[in-house]
Amino acid sequence: MAFAAVIAVCSVLARRFLVVGRRGWAVYCLVTAIAAPALLAWPGAGGAVRTAIAVVVTSARMTAVAIELATELSRSVAVGEAT
């Protein structure tokens, strides 16, 4: 269930980044949305390791996007204060 929410958030953020012209971030979100469930669904041994990798991949994406959006917000506030 949690990974379904991550996939949904990745898709929404990918669309948002495409709308504002941030193609690299959009691709990063889409790759994460594909990689996380692929790691979980991959057949064979080593499921715990793949799950751990999926958690690290999604957590890194969430952290990077949060920093990017916070930076973007602070830039827009600074520009708004300057005008």
N, C-alpha and C. Protein backbone atom coordinates (compact mmCIF):
# COMPACT_ATOMS: atom_id res chain seq x y z
N MET A 1 0.82 -1.19 0.00
CA MET A 1 0.00 0.00 0.00
C MET A 1 0.87 1.27 0.00
N ALA A 2 1.92 1.26 0.80
CA ALA A 2 2.79 2.43 0.88
C ALA A 2 3.49 2.69 -0.46
N PHE A 3 3.92 1.62 -1.11
CA PHE A 3 4.59 1.82 -2.39
C PHE A 3 3.62 2.28 -3.47
N ALA A 4 2.35 1.93 -3.35
CA ALA A 4 1.35 2.44 -4.29
C ALA A 4 1.22 3.95 -4.13
N ALA A 5 1.27 4.42 -2.89
CA ALA A 5 1.22 5.86 -2.65
C ALA A 5 2.47 6.56 -3.19
N VAL A 6 3.62 5.92 -3.03
CA VAL A 6 4.87 6.49 -3.56
C VAL A 6 4.79 6.60 -5.08
N ILE A 7 4.26 5.58 -5.73
CA ILE A 7 4.12 5.60 -7.19
C ILE A 7 3.19 6.74 -7.61
N ALA A 8 2.09 6.90 -6.89
CA ALA A 8 1.15 7.98 -7.21
C ALA A 8 1.80 9.35 -7.04
N VAL A 9 2.52 9.53 -5.93
CA VAL A 9 3.19 10.81 -5.69
C VAL A 9 4.25 11.08 -6.75
N CYS A 10 5.00 10.06 -7.12
CA CYS A 10 6.02 10.21 -8.16
C CYS A 10 5.37 10.66 -9.47
N SER A 11 4.24 10.08 -9.80
CA SER A 11 3.55 10.43 -11.04
C SER A 11 3.04 11.86 -11.01
N VAL A 12 2.45 12.26 -9.89
CA VAL A 12 1.95 13.63 -9.75
C VAL A 12 3.10 14.63 -9.84
N LEU A 13 4.19 14.35 -9.13
CA LEU A 13 5.33 15.27 -9.17
C LEU A 13 5.99 15.30 -10.54
N ALA A 14 6.02 14.16 -11.22
CA ALA A 14 6.58 14.14 -12.58
C ALA A 14 5.79 15.08 -13.48
N ARG A 15 4.48 15.01 -13.39
CA ARG A 15 3.63 15.89 -14.20
C ARG A 15 3.88 17.35 -13.83
N ARG A 16 3.97 17.65 -12.55
CA ARG A 16 4.22 19.02 -12.11
C ARG A 16 5.56 19.54 -12.64
N PHE A 17 6.59 18.70 -12.55
CA PHE A 17 7.90 19.13 -13.05
C PHE A 17 7.88 19.32 -14.56
N LEU A 18 7.13 18.50 -15.28
CA LEU A 18 7.01 18.70 -16.73
C LEU A 18 6.33 20.02 -17.05
N VAL A 19 5.29 20.34 -16.31
CA VAL A 19 4.54 21.58 -16.54
C VAL A 19 5.43 22.80 -16.34
N VAL A 20 6.30 22.76 -15.34
CA VAL A 20 7.17 23.92 -15.07
C VAL A 20 8.50 23.85 -15.82
N GLY A 21 8.64 22.86 -16.71
CA GLY A 21 9.83 22.79 -17.55
C GLY A 21 11.05 22.16 -16.90
N ARG A 22 10.86 21.35 -15.89
CA ARG A 22 11.98 20.70 -15.20
C ARG A 22 12.02 19.24 -15.61
N ARG A 23 12.44 18.99 -16.84
CA ARG A 23 12.39 17.65 -17.43
C ARG A 23 13.23 16.63 -16.67
N GLY A 24 14.40 17.01 -16.21
CA GLY A 24 15.27 16.10 -15.47
C GLY A 24 14.61 15.59 -14.21
N TRP A 25 13.97 16.48 -13.47
CA TRP A 25 13.26 16.07 -12.25
C TRP A 25 12.08 15.18 -12.59
N ALA A 26 11.39 15.48 -13.68
CA ALA A 26 10.26 14.65 -14.11
C ALA A 26 10.72 13.23 -14.43
N VAL A 27 11.82 13.12 -15.14
CA VAL A 27 12.36 11.81 -15.49
C VAL A 27 12.78 11.07 -14.22
N TYR A 28 13.42 11.77 -13.29
CA TYR A 28 13.83 11.16 -12.03
C TYR A 28 12.63 10.58 -11.28
N CYS A 29 11.54 11.34 -11.22
CA CYS A 29 10.33 10.86 -10.55
C CYS A 29 9.74 9.65 -11.26
N LEU A 30 9.70 9.69 -12.59
CA LEU A 30 9.14 8.56 -13.34
C LEU A 30 10.00 7.31 -13.20
N VAL A 31 11.31 7.47 -13.23
CA VAL A 31 12.21 6.32 -13.06
C VAL A 31 12.00 5.70 -11.68
N THR A 32 11.84 6.53 -10.67
CA THR A 32 11.59 6.02 -9.33
C THR A 32 10.26 5.28 -9.27
N ALA A 33 9.24 5.82 -9.93
CA ALA A 33 7.92 5.19 -9.94
C ALA A 33 7.96 3.82 -10.62
N ILE A 34 8.87 3.63 -11.54
CA ILE A 34 9.01 2.35 -12.23
C ILE A 34 9.96 1.41 -11.48
N ALA A 35 11.06 1.96 -10.97
CA ALA A 35 12.09 1.13 -10.34
C ALA A 35 11.63 0.51 -9.02
N ALA A 36 10.93 1.26 -8.20
CA ALA A 36 10.54 0.74 -6.88
C ALA A 36 9.65 -0.50 -6.99
N PRO A 37 8.56 -0.46 -7.73
CA PRO A 37 7.75 -1.68 -7.81
C PRO A 37 8.44 -2.80 -8.58
N ALA A 38 9.30 -2.44 -9.53
CA ALA A 38 10.03 -3.47 -10.27
C ALA A 38 10.97 -4.23 -9.32
N LEU A 39 11.62 -3.51 -8.43
CA LEU A 39 12.50 -4.16 -7.45
C LEU A 39 11.70 -5.08 -6.53
N LEU A 40 10.53 -4.64 -6.14
CA LEU A 40 9.71 -5.45 -5.23
C LEU A 40 9.14 -6.68 -5.91
N ALA A 41 8.81 -6.57 -7.19
CA ALA A 41 8.15 -7.66 -7.90
C ALA A 41 9.13 -8.63 -8.56
N TRP A 42 10.41 -8.28 -8.60
CA TRP A 42 11.40 -9.13 -9.26
C TRP A 42 11.41 -10.51 -8.62
N PRO A 43 11.29 -11.56 -9.42
CA PRO A 43 11.24 -12.90 -8.84
C PRO A 43 12.62 -13.39 -8.38
N GLY A 44 12.61 -14.37 -7.52
CA GLY A 44 13.86 -14.98 -7.09
C GLY A 44 14.25 -14.62 -5.68
N ALA A 45 15.40 -15.12 -5.29
CA ALA A 45 15.92 -14.89 -3.94
C ALA A 45 16.40 -13.46 -3.78
N GLY A 46 16.59 -13.06 -2.55
CA GLY A 46 17.12 -11.71 -2.28
C GLY A 46 16.05 -10.66 -2.17
N GLY A 47 14.82 -11.07 -1.86
CA GLY A 47 13.72 -10.12 -1.76
C GLY A 47 13.92 -9.06 -0.71
N ALA A 48 14.52 -9.42 0.40
CA ALA A 48 14.75 -8.44 1.47
C ALA A 48 15.74 -7.37 1.03
N VAL A 49 16.76 -7.78 0.30
CA VAL A 49 17.75 -6.83 -0.20
C VAL A 49 17.11 -5.90 -1.23
N ARG A 50 16.31 -6.46 -2.13
CA ARG A 50 15.64 -5.63 -3.13
C ARG A 50 14.66 -4.66 -2.48
N THR A 51 13.96 -5.12 -1.44
CA THR A 51 13.04 -4.24 -0.72
C THR A 51 13.81 -3.10 -0.06
N ALA A 52 14.94 -3.41 0.54
CA ALA A 52 15.77 -2.37 1.15
C ALA A 52 16.26 -1.37 0.12
N ILE A 53 16.65 -1.85 -1.05
CA ILE A 53 17.10 -0.95 -2.12
C ILE A 53 15.94 -0.07 -2.58
N ALA A 54 14.75 -0.65 -2.71
CA ALA A 54 13.57 0.14 -3.11
C ALA A 54 13.27 1.23 -2.09
N VAL A 55 13.41 0.90 -0.82
CA VAL A 55 13.17 1.90 0.23
C VAL A 55 14.20 3.02 0.14
N VAL A 56 15.47 2.67 -0.07
CA VAL A 56 16.52 3.68 -0.18
C VAL A 56 16.28 4.56 -1.42
N VAL A 57 15.93 3.95 -2.54
CA VAL A 57 15.69 4.70 -3.78
C VAL A 57 14.54 5.69 -3.59
N THR A 58 13.43 5.22 -3.02
CA THR A 58 12.29 6.12 -2.85
C THR A 58 12.55 7.18 -1.78
N SER A 59 13.25 6.82 -0.73
CA SER A 59 13.58 7.81 0.30
C SER A 59 14.52 8.88 -0.22
N ALA A 60 15.49 8.47 -1.02
CA ALA A 60 16.42 9.44 -1.62
C ALA A 60 15.67 10.39 -2.55
N ARG A 61 14.72 9.86 -3.32
CA ARG A 61 13.94 10.71 -4.22
C ARG A 61 13.10 11.68 -3.42
N MET A 62 12.45 11.21 -2.36
CA MET A 62 11.62 12.10 -1.56
C MET A 62 12.45 13.21 -0.93
N THR A 63 13.63 12.87 -0.44
CA THR A 63 14.51 13.87 0.16
C THR A 63 14.98 14.88 -0.88
N ALA A 64 15.41 14.41 -2.03
CA ALA A 64 15.89 15.31 -3.09
C ALA A 64 14.79 16.24 -3.57
N VAL A 65 13.59 15.70 -3.77
CA VAL A 65 12.47 16.53 -4.23
C VAL A 65 12.09 17.54 -3.16
N ALA A 66 12.07 17.14 -1.90
CA ALA A 66 11.74 18.07 -0.82
C ALA A 66 12.74 19.23 -0.78
N ILE A 67 14.02 18.92 -0.91
CA ILE A 67 15.05 19.98 -0.92
C ILE A 67 14.86 20.88 -2.14
N GLU A 68 14.60 20.29 -3.29
CA GLU A 68 14.40 21.07 -4.51
C GLU A 68 13.19 21.99 -4.39
N LEU A 69 12.08 21.48 -3.88
CA LEU A 69 10.88 22.30 -3.75
C LEU A 69 11.06 23.39 -2.70
N ALA A 70 11.75 23.08 -1.61
CA ALA A 70 12.01 24.10 -0.59
C ALA A 70 12.91 25.20 -1.14
N THR A 71 13.91 24.81 -1.92
CA THR A 71 14.80 25.79 -2.55
C THR A 71 14.03 26.65 -3.54
N GLU A 72 13.18 26.00 -4.34
CA GLU A 72 12.36 26.72 -5.31
C GLU A 72 11.44 27.72 -4.60
N LEU A 73 10.84 27.30 -3.50
CA LEU A 73 9.96 28.18 -2.74
C LEU A 73 10.72 29.36 -2.17
N SER A 74 11.90 29.11 -1.60
CA SER A 74 12.66 30.21 -1.01
C SER A 74 13.12 31.19 -2.09
N ARG A 75 13.43 30.68 -3.30
CA ARG A 75 13.79 31.58 -4.41
C ARG A 75 12.60 32.45 -4.81
N SER A 76 11.41 31.86 -4.88
CA SER A 76 10.25 32.61 -5.29
C SER A 76 9.85 33.64 -4.22
N VAL A 77 10.04 33.29 -2.94
CA VAL A 77 9.75 34.25 -1.87
C VAL A 77 10.76 35.39 -1.93
N ALA A 78 12.03 35.07 -2.16
CA ALA A 78 13.06 36.11 -2.24
C ALA A 78 12.79 37.05 -3.41
N VAL A 79 12.34 36.52 -4.53
CA VAL A 79 12.02 37.36 -5.69
C VAL A 79 10.81 38.21 -5.38
N GLY A 80 9.82 37.63 -4.70
CA GLY A 80 8.62 38.38 -4.32
C GLY A 80 8.93 39.51 -3.36
N GLU A 81 9.87 39.29 -2.46
CA GLU A 81 10.26 40.33 -1.51
C GLU A 81 11.05 41.44 -2.18
N ALA A 82 11.77 41.08 -3.24
CA ALA A 82 12.61 42.07 -3.93
C ALA A 82 11.79 43.01 -4.79
N THR A 83 10.61 42.58 -5.22
CA THR A 83 9.81 43.43 -6.10
C THR A 83 8.89 44.33 -5.35
